[in-house]
PDB file of N, CA and C in Angstrom:
ATOM      1  N   UNK A   1     123.231 118.800 118.594  1.00  0.00           N
ATOM      2  CA  UNK A   1     122.361 117.623 118.481  1.00  0.00           C
ATOM      3  C   UNK A   1     122.222 117.286 116.964  1.00  0.00           C
ATOM      4  N   UNK A   2     122.411 115.985 116.617  1.00  0.00           N
ATOM      5  CA  UNK A   2     122.304 115.639 115.209  1.00  0.00           C
ATOM      6  C   UNK A   2     120.895 115.718 114.677  1.00  0.00           C
ATOM      7  N   UNK A   3     120.748 115.893 113.412  1.00  0.00           N
ATOM      8  CA  UNK A   3     119.414 115.946 112.814  1.00  0.00           C
ATOM      9  C   UNK A   3     118.712 114.610 112.860  1.00  0.00           C
ATOM     10  N   UNK A   4     117.378 114.593 112.975  1.00  0.00           N
ATOM     11  CA  UNK A   4     116.669 113.336 113.044  1.00  0.00           C
ATOM     12  C   UNK A   4     116.753 112.609 111.700  1.00  0.00           C
ATOM     13  N   UNK A   5     116.622 111.324 111.723  1.00  0.00           N
ATOM     14  CA  UNK A   5     116.638 110.508 110.514  1.00  0.00           C
ATOM     15  C   UNK A   5     115.418 110.826 109.683  1.00  0.00           C
ATOM     16  N   UNK A   6     115.553 110.751 108.412  1.00  0.00           N
ATOM     17  CA  UNK A   6     114.458 111.049 107.448  1.00  0.00           C
ATOM     18  C   UNK A   6     113.293 110.079 107.572  1.00  0.00           C
ATOM     19  N   UNK A   7     112.120 110.477 107.171  1.00  0.00           N
ATOM     20  CA  UNK A   7     111.005 109.574 107.199  1.00  0.00           C
ATOM     21  C   UNK A   7     111.218 108.464 106.159  1.00  0.00           C
ATOM     22  N   UNK A   8     111.921 108.748 105.052  1.00  0.00           N
ATOM     23  CA  UNK A   8     112.251 107.730 104.053  1.00  0.00           C
ATOM     24  C   UNK A   8     113.105 106.657 104.625  1.00  0.00           C
ATOM     25  N   UNK A   9     114.127 107.026 105.356  1.00  0.00           N
ATOM     26  CA  UNK A   9     115.034 106.052 106.020  1.00  0.00           C
ATOM     27  C   UNK A   9     114.225 105.191 106.978  1.00  0.00           C
ATOM     28  N   UNK A  10     113.426 105.820 107.791  1.00  0.00           N
ATOM     29  CA  UNK A  10     112.577 105.106 108.747  1.00  0.00           C
ATOM     30  C   UNK A  10     111.706 104.078 108.086  1.00  0.00           C
ATOM     31  N   UNK A  11     111.103 104.529 106.985  1.00  0.00           N
ATOM     32  CA  UNK A  11     110.156 103.589 106.276  1.00  0.00           C
ATOM     33  C   UNK A  11     110.925 102.440 105.644  1.00  0.00           C
ATOM     34  N   UNK A  12     112.148 102.695 105.141  1.00  0.00           N
ATOM     35  CA  UNK A  12     112.944 101.623 104.525  1.00  0.00           C
ATOM     36  C   UNK A  12     113.357 100.604 105.547  1.00  0.00           C
ATOM     37  N   UNK A  13     113.686 101.085 106.793  1.00  0.00           N
ATOM     38  CA  UNK A  13     114.054 100.144 107.853  1.00  0.00           C
ATOM     39  C   UNK A  13     112.878  99.289 108.296  1.00  0.00           C
ATOM     40  N   UNK A  14     111.704  99.891 108.431  1.00  0.00           N
ATOM     41  CA  UNK A  14     110.488  99.180 108.768  1.00  0.00           C
ATOM     42  C   UNK A  14     110.157  98.182 107.708  1.00  0.00           C
ATOM     43  N   UNK A  15     110.198  98.536 106.444  1.00  0.00           N
ATOM     44  CA  UNK A  15     109.853  97.710 105.320  1.00  0.00           C
ATOM     45  C   UNK A  15     110.816  96.499 105.267  1.00  0.00           C
ATOM     46  N   UNK A  16     112.066  96.740 105.524  1.00  0.00           N
ATOM     47  CA  UNK A  16     113.092  95.639 105.496  1.00  0.00           C
ATOM     48  C   UNK A  16     112.782  94.666 106.717  1.00  0.00           C
ATOM     49  N   UNK A  17     112.409  95.265 107.805  1.00  0.00           N
ATOM     50  CA  UNK A  17     112.069  94.426 108.956  1.00  0.00           C
ATOM     51  C   UNK A  17     110.819  93.515 108.680  1.00  0.00           C
ATOM     52  N   UNK A  18     109.799  94.141 108.103  1.00  0.00           N
ATOM     53  CA  UNK A  18     108.594  93.453 107.719  1.00  0.00           C
ATOM     54  C   UNK A  18     108.873  92.318 106.750  1.00  0.00           C
ATOM     55  N   UNK A  19     109.746  92.596 105.817  1.00  0.00           N
ATOM     56  CA  UNK A  19     110.121  91.599 104.787  1.00  0.00           C
ATOM     57  C   UNK A  19     111.095  90.566 105.319  1.00  0.00           C
ATOM     58  N   UNK A  20     111.454  90.673 106.604  1.00  0.00           N
ATOM     59  CA  UNK A  20     112.358  89.721 107.234  1.00  0.00           C
ATOM     60  C   UNK A  20     113.697  89.625 106.468  1.00  0.00           C
ATOM     61  N   UNK A  21     114.235  90.794 106.156  1.00  0.00           N
ATOM     62  CA  UNK A  21     115.492  90.857 105.396  1.00  0.00           C
ATOM     63  C   UNK A  21     116.737  90.799 106.363  1.00  0.00           C
ATOM     64  N   UNK A  22     116.496  90.558 107.599  1.00  0.00           N
ATOM     65  CA  UNK A  22     117.566  90.412 108.582  1.00  0.00           C
ATOM     66  C   UNK A  22     117.067  90.736 109.974  1.00  0.00           C
ATOM     67  N   UNK A  23     117.920  90.431 110.971  1.00  0.00           N
ATOM     68  CA  UNK A  23     117.585  90.747 112.315  1.00  0.00           C
ATOM     69  C   UNK A  23     117.700  92.250 112.523  1.00  0.00           C
ATOM     70  N   UNK A  24     117.268  92.746 113.718  1.00  0.00           N
ATOM     71  CA  UNK A  24     117.399  94.111 114.033  1.00  0.00           C
ATOM     72  C   UNK A  24     118.789  94.617 113.907  1.00  0.00           C
ATOM     73  N   UNK A  25     119.723  93.782 114.429  1.00  0.00           N
ATOM     74  CA  UNK A  25     121.167  94.119 114.423  1.00  0.00           C
ATOM     75  C   UNK A  25     121.642  94.215 113.006  1.00  0.00           C
ATOM     76  N   UNK A  26     121.252  93.282 112.166  1.00  0.00           N
ATOM     77  CA  UNK A  26     121.732  93.299 110.770  1.00  0.00           C
ATOM     78  C   UNK A  26     121.163  94.517 110.081  1.00  0.00           C
ATOM     79  N   UNK A  27     119.873  94.893 110.300  1.00  0.00           N
ATOM     80  CA  UNK A  27     119.325  96.043 109.657  1.00  0.00           C
ATOM     81  C   UNK A  27     120.014  97.317 110.138  1.00  0.00           C
ATOM     82  N   UNK A  28     120.405  97.372 111.374  1.00  0.00           N
ATOM     83  CA  UNK A  28     121.152  98.534 111.870  1.00  0.00           C
ATOM     84  C   UNK A  28     122.478  98.647 111.157  1.00  0.00           C
ATOM     85  N   UNK A  29     123.148  97.572 110.881  1.00  0.00           N
ATOM     86  CA  UNK A  29     124.382  97.581 110.162  1.00  0.00           C
ATOM     87  C   UNK A  29     124.165  97.973 108.714  1.00  0.00           C
ATOM     88  N   UNK A  30     123.127  97.386 108.098  1.00  0.00           N
ATOM     89  CA  UNK A  30     122.827  97.646 106.687  1.00  0.00           C
ATOM     90  C   UNK A  30     122.512  99.080 106.443  1.00  0.00           C
ATOM     91  N   UNK A  31     121.735  99.699 107.273  1.00  0.00           N
ATOM     92  CA  UNK A  31     121.318 101.114 107.092  1.00  0.00           C
ATOM     93  C   UNK A  31     122.197 102.092 107.851  1.00  0.00           C
ATOM     94  N   UNK A  32     123.205 101.556 108.488  1.00  0.00           N
ATOM     95  CA  UNK A  32     124.231 102.420 109.224  1.00  0.00           C
ATOM     96  C   UNK A  32     123.600 103.280 110.245  1.00  0.00           C
ATOM     97  N   UNK A  33     122.760 102.704 111.063  1.00  0.00           N
ATOM     98  CA  UNK A  33     122.142 103.396 112.198  1.00  0.00           C
ATOM     99  C   UNK A  33     122.357 102.541 113.463  1.00  0.00           C
ATOM    100  N   UNK A  34     122.046 103.074 114.609  1.00  0.00           N
ATOM    101  CA  UNK A  34     122.301 102.311 115.857  1.00  0.00           C
ATOM    102  C   UNK A  34     121.243 101.221 115.987  1.00  0.00           C
ATOM    103  N   UNK A  35     121.623 100.196 116.721  1.00  0.00           N
ATOM    104  CA  UNK A  35     120.623  99.141 117.042  1.00  0.00           C
ATOM    105  C   UNK A  35     119.475  99.660 117.855  1.00  0.00           C
ATOM    106  N   UNK A  36     119.758 100.634 118.823  1.00  0.00           N
ATOM    107  CA  UNK A  36     118.697 101.181 119.631  1.00  0.00           C
ATOM    108  C   UNK A  36     117.679 101.959 118.806  1.00  0.00           C
ATOM    109  N   UNK A  37     118.190 102.650 117.718  1.00  0.00           N
ATOM    110  CA  UNK A  37     117.292 103.351 116.840  1.00  0.00           C
ATOM    111  C   UNK A  37     116.303 102.317 116.187  1.00  0.00           C
ATOM    112  N   UNK A  38     116.847 101.208 115.656  1.00  0.00           N
ATOM    113  CA  UNK A  38     116.057 100.204 115.029  1.00  0.00           C
ATOM    114  C   UNK A  38     115.001  99.635 116.019  1.00  0.00           C
ATOM    115  N   UNK A  39     115.481  99.357 117.205  1.00  0.00           N
ATOM    116  CA  UNK A  39     114.551  98.738 118.211  1.00  0.00           C
ATOM    117  C   UNK A  39     113.444  99.764 118.530  1.00  0.00           C
ATOM    118  N   UNK A  40     113.780 101.035 118.788  1.00  0.00           N
ATOM    119  CA  UNK A  40     112.700 101.991 119.131  1.00  0.00           C
ATOM    120  C   UNK A  40     111.804 102.219 117.952  1.00  0.00           C
ATOM    121  N   UNK A  41     112.398 102.248 116.762  1.00  0.00           N
ATOM    122  CA  UNK A  41     111.536 102.447 115.535  1.00  0.00           C
ATOM    123  C   UNK A  41     110.534 101.325 115.353  1.00  0.00           C
ATOM    124  N   UNK A  42     111.014 100.094 115.459  1.00  0.00           N
ATOM    125  CA  UNK A  42     110.147  98.931 115.297  1.00  0.00           C
ATOM    126  C   UNK A  42     109.086  98.889 116.406  1.00  0.00           C
ATOM    127  N   UNK A  43     109.518  99.142 117.621  1.00  0.00           N
ATOM    128  CA  UNK A  43     108.551  99.154 118.820  1.00  0.00           C
ATOM    129  C   UNK A  43     107.497 100.191 118.564  1.00  0.00           C
ATOM    130  N   UNK A  44     107.907 101.438 118.190  1.00  0.00           N
ATOM    131  CA  UNK A  44     106.988 102.531 117.900  1.00  0.00           C
ATOM    132  C   UNK A  44     106.035 102.205 116.763  1.00  0.00           C
ATOM    133  N   UNK A  45     106.512 101.587 115.716  1.00  0.00           N
ATOM    134  CA  UNK A  45     105.730 101.228 114.559  1.00  0.00           C
ATOM    135  C   UNK A  45     104.722 100.141 114.925  1.00  0.00           C
ATOM    136  N   UNK A  46     105.088  99.204 115.774  1.00  0.00           N
ATOM    137  CA  UNK A  46     104.154  98.122 116.145  1.00  0.00           C
ATOM    138  C   UNK A  46     103.078  98.731 116.999  1.00  0.00           C
ATOM    139  N   UNK A  47     103.392  99.753 117.804  1.00  0.00           N
ATOM    140  CA  UNK A  47     102.484 100.387 118.728  1.00  0.00           C
ATOM    141  C   UNK A  47     101.510 101.306 118.009  1.00  0.00           C
ATOM    142  N   UNK A  48     102.012 102.140 117.102  1.00  0.00           N
ATOM    143  CA  UNK A  48     101.213 103.162 116.500  1.00  0.00           C
ATOM    144  C   UNK A  48     100.923 102.951 115.035  1.00  0.00           C
ATOM    145  N   UNK A  49     101.676 102.093 114.320  1.00  0.00           N
ATOM    146  CA  UNK A  49     101.559 101.890 112.864  1.00  0.00           C
ATOM    147  C   UNK A  49     102.193 103.024 112.096  1.00  0.00           C
ATOM    148  N   UNK A  50     102.933 103.939 112.803  1.00  0.00           N
ATOM    149  CA  UNK A  50     103.590 105.090 112.133  1.00  0.00           C
ATOM    150  C   UNK A  50     105.080 104.969 112.140  1.00  0.00           C
ATOM    151  N   UNK A  51     105.734 105.681 111.273  1.00  0.00           N
ATOM    152  CA  UNK A  51     107.239 105.722 111.261  1.00  0.00           C
ATOM    153  C   UNK A  51     107.689 107.124 111.645  1.00  0.00           C
ATOM    154  N   UNK A  52     106.729 107.960 112.028  1.00  0.00           N
ATOM    155  CA  UNK A  52     107.086 109.359 112.392  1.00  0.00           C
ATOM    156  C   UNK A  52     107.898 109.373 113.612  1.00  0.00           C
ATOM    157  N   UNK A  53     108.713 110.406 113.732  1.00  0.00           N
ATOM    158  CA  UNK A  53     109.572 110.585 114.922  1.00  0.00           C
ATOM    159  C   UNK A  53     108.624 110.858 116.120  1.00  0.00           C
ATOM    160  N   UNK A  54     108.849 110.148 117.195  1.00  0.00           N
ATOM    161  CA  UNK A  54     108.039 110.252 118.437  1.00  0.00           C
ATOM    162  C   UNK A  54     108.624 111.356 119.265  1.00  0.00           C
ATOM    163  N   UNK A  55     107.803 112.115 119.916  1.00  0.00           N
ATOM    164  CA  UNK A  55     108.304 113.055 120.937  1.00  0.00           C
ATOM    165  C   UNK A  55     108.944 112.330 122.047  1.00  0.00           C
ATOM    166  N   UNK A  56     110.054 112.805 122.479  1.00  0.00           N
ATOM    167  CA  UNK A  56     110.769 112.103 123.605  1.00  0.00           C
ATOM    168  C   UNK A  56     110.050 112.277 124.858  1.00  0.00           C
ATOM    169  N   UNK A  57     110.183 111.352 125.772  1.00  0.00           N
ATOM    170  CA  UNK A  57     109.517 111.356 127.061  1.00  0.00           C
ATOM    171  C   UNK A  57     109.981 112.576 127.840  1.00  0.00           C
ATOM    172  N   UNK A  58     111.290 112.928 127.795  1.00  0.00           N
ATOM    173  CA  UNK A  58     111.772 114.060 128.581  1.00  0.00           C
ATOM    174  C   UNK A  58     111.103 115.348 128.087  1.00  0.00           C
ATOM    175  N   UNK A  59     111.007 115.524 126.722  1.00  0.00           N
ATOM    176  CA  UNK A  59     110.371 116.703 126.180  1.00  0.00           C
ATOM    177  C   UNK A  59     108.996 116.775 126.656  1.00  0.00           C
ATOM    178  N   UNK A  60     108.225 115.654 126.609  1.00  0.00           N
ATOM    179  CA  UNK A  60     106.862 115.688 126.984  1.00  0.00           C
ATOM    180  C   UNK A  60     106.656 116.088 128.407  1.00  0.00           C
ATOM    181  N   UNK A  61     107.470 115.609 129.272  1.00  0.00           N
ATOM    182  CA  UNK A  61     107.388 115.838 130.699  1.00  0.00           C
ATOM    183  C   UNK A  61     107.721 117.341 131.023  1.00  0.00           C
ATOM    184  N   UNK A  62     108.765 117.806 130.347  1.00  0.00           N
ATOM    185  CA  UNK A  62     109.191 119.232 130.588  1.00  0.00           C
ATOM    186  C   UNK A  62     108.113 120.186 130.101  1.00  0.00           C
ATOM    187  N   UNK A  63     107.498 119.961 128.962  1.00  0.00           N
ATOM    188  CA  UNK A  63     106.374 120.783 128.466  1.00  0.00           C
ATOM    189  C   UNK A  63     105.169 120.738 129.437  1.00  0.00           C
ATOM    190  N   UNK A  64     104.892 119.549 129.899  1.00  0.00           N
ATOM    191  CA  UNK A  64     103.773 119.390 130.847  1.00  0.00           C
ATOM    192  C   UNK A  64     103.985 120.192 132.139  1.00  0.00           C
ATOM    193  N   UNK A  65     105.214 120.128 132.672  1.00  0.00           N
ATOM    194  CA  UNK A  65     105.582 120.835 133.861  1.00  0.00           C
ATOM    195  C   UNK A  65     105.474 122.367 133.624  1.00  0.00           C
ATOM    196  N   UNK A  66     106.004 122.780 132.498  1.00  0.00           N
ATOM    197  CA  UNK A  66     106.054 124.186 132.219  1.00  0.00           C
ATOM    198  C   UNK A  66     104.598 124.774 132.102  1.00  0.00           C
ATOM    199  N   UNK A  67     103.751 123.978 131.417  1.00  0.00           N
ATOM    200  CA  UNK A  67     102.377 124.456 131.246  1.00  0.00           C
ATOM    201  C   UNK A  67     101.587 124.500 132.578  1.00  0.00           C
ATOM    202  N   UNK A  68     101.887 123.552 133.474  1.00  0.00           N
ATOM    203  CA  UNK A  68     101.246 123.582 134.796  1.00  0.00           C
ATOM    204  C   UNK A  68     101.751 124.808 135.622  1.00  0.00           C
ATOM    205  N   UNK A  69     103.034 125.102 135.515  1.00  0.00           N
ATOM    206  CA  UNK A  69     103.528 126.206 136.394  1.00  0.00           C
ATOM    207  C   UNK A  69     103.050 127.592 135.789  1.00  0.00           C
ATOM    208  N   UNK A  70     102.687 127.672 134.528  1.00  0.00           N
ATOM    209  CA  UNK A  70     102.248 128.909 133.939  1.00  0.00           C
ATOM    210  C   UNK A  70     100.791 129.179 134.294  1.00  0.00           C
ATOM    211  N   UNK A  71     100.001 128.104 134.450  1.00  0.00           N
ATOM    212  CA  UNK A  71      98.595 128.288 134.749  1.00  0.00           C
ATOM    213  C   UNK A  71      98.315 128.786 136.092  1.00  0.00           C
TER     214      UNK A  71
END
């Protein structure tokens, strides 16, 4: 599994988006990341105001299941 993108890169992408320096597709090309990464990052930032890496849904569900079966 590849390493997660740095907080610095995430912040630069969000700042460029806020400054309207291009479309999401153009920003993906500019920062050499996937379009889906930019889309998820912007959506998460709009929802939470943060650029931190969000826990994946699958991880959250598997942890919740494991903790229920242990109890």
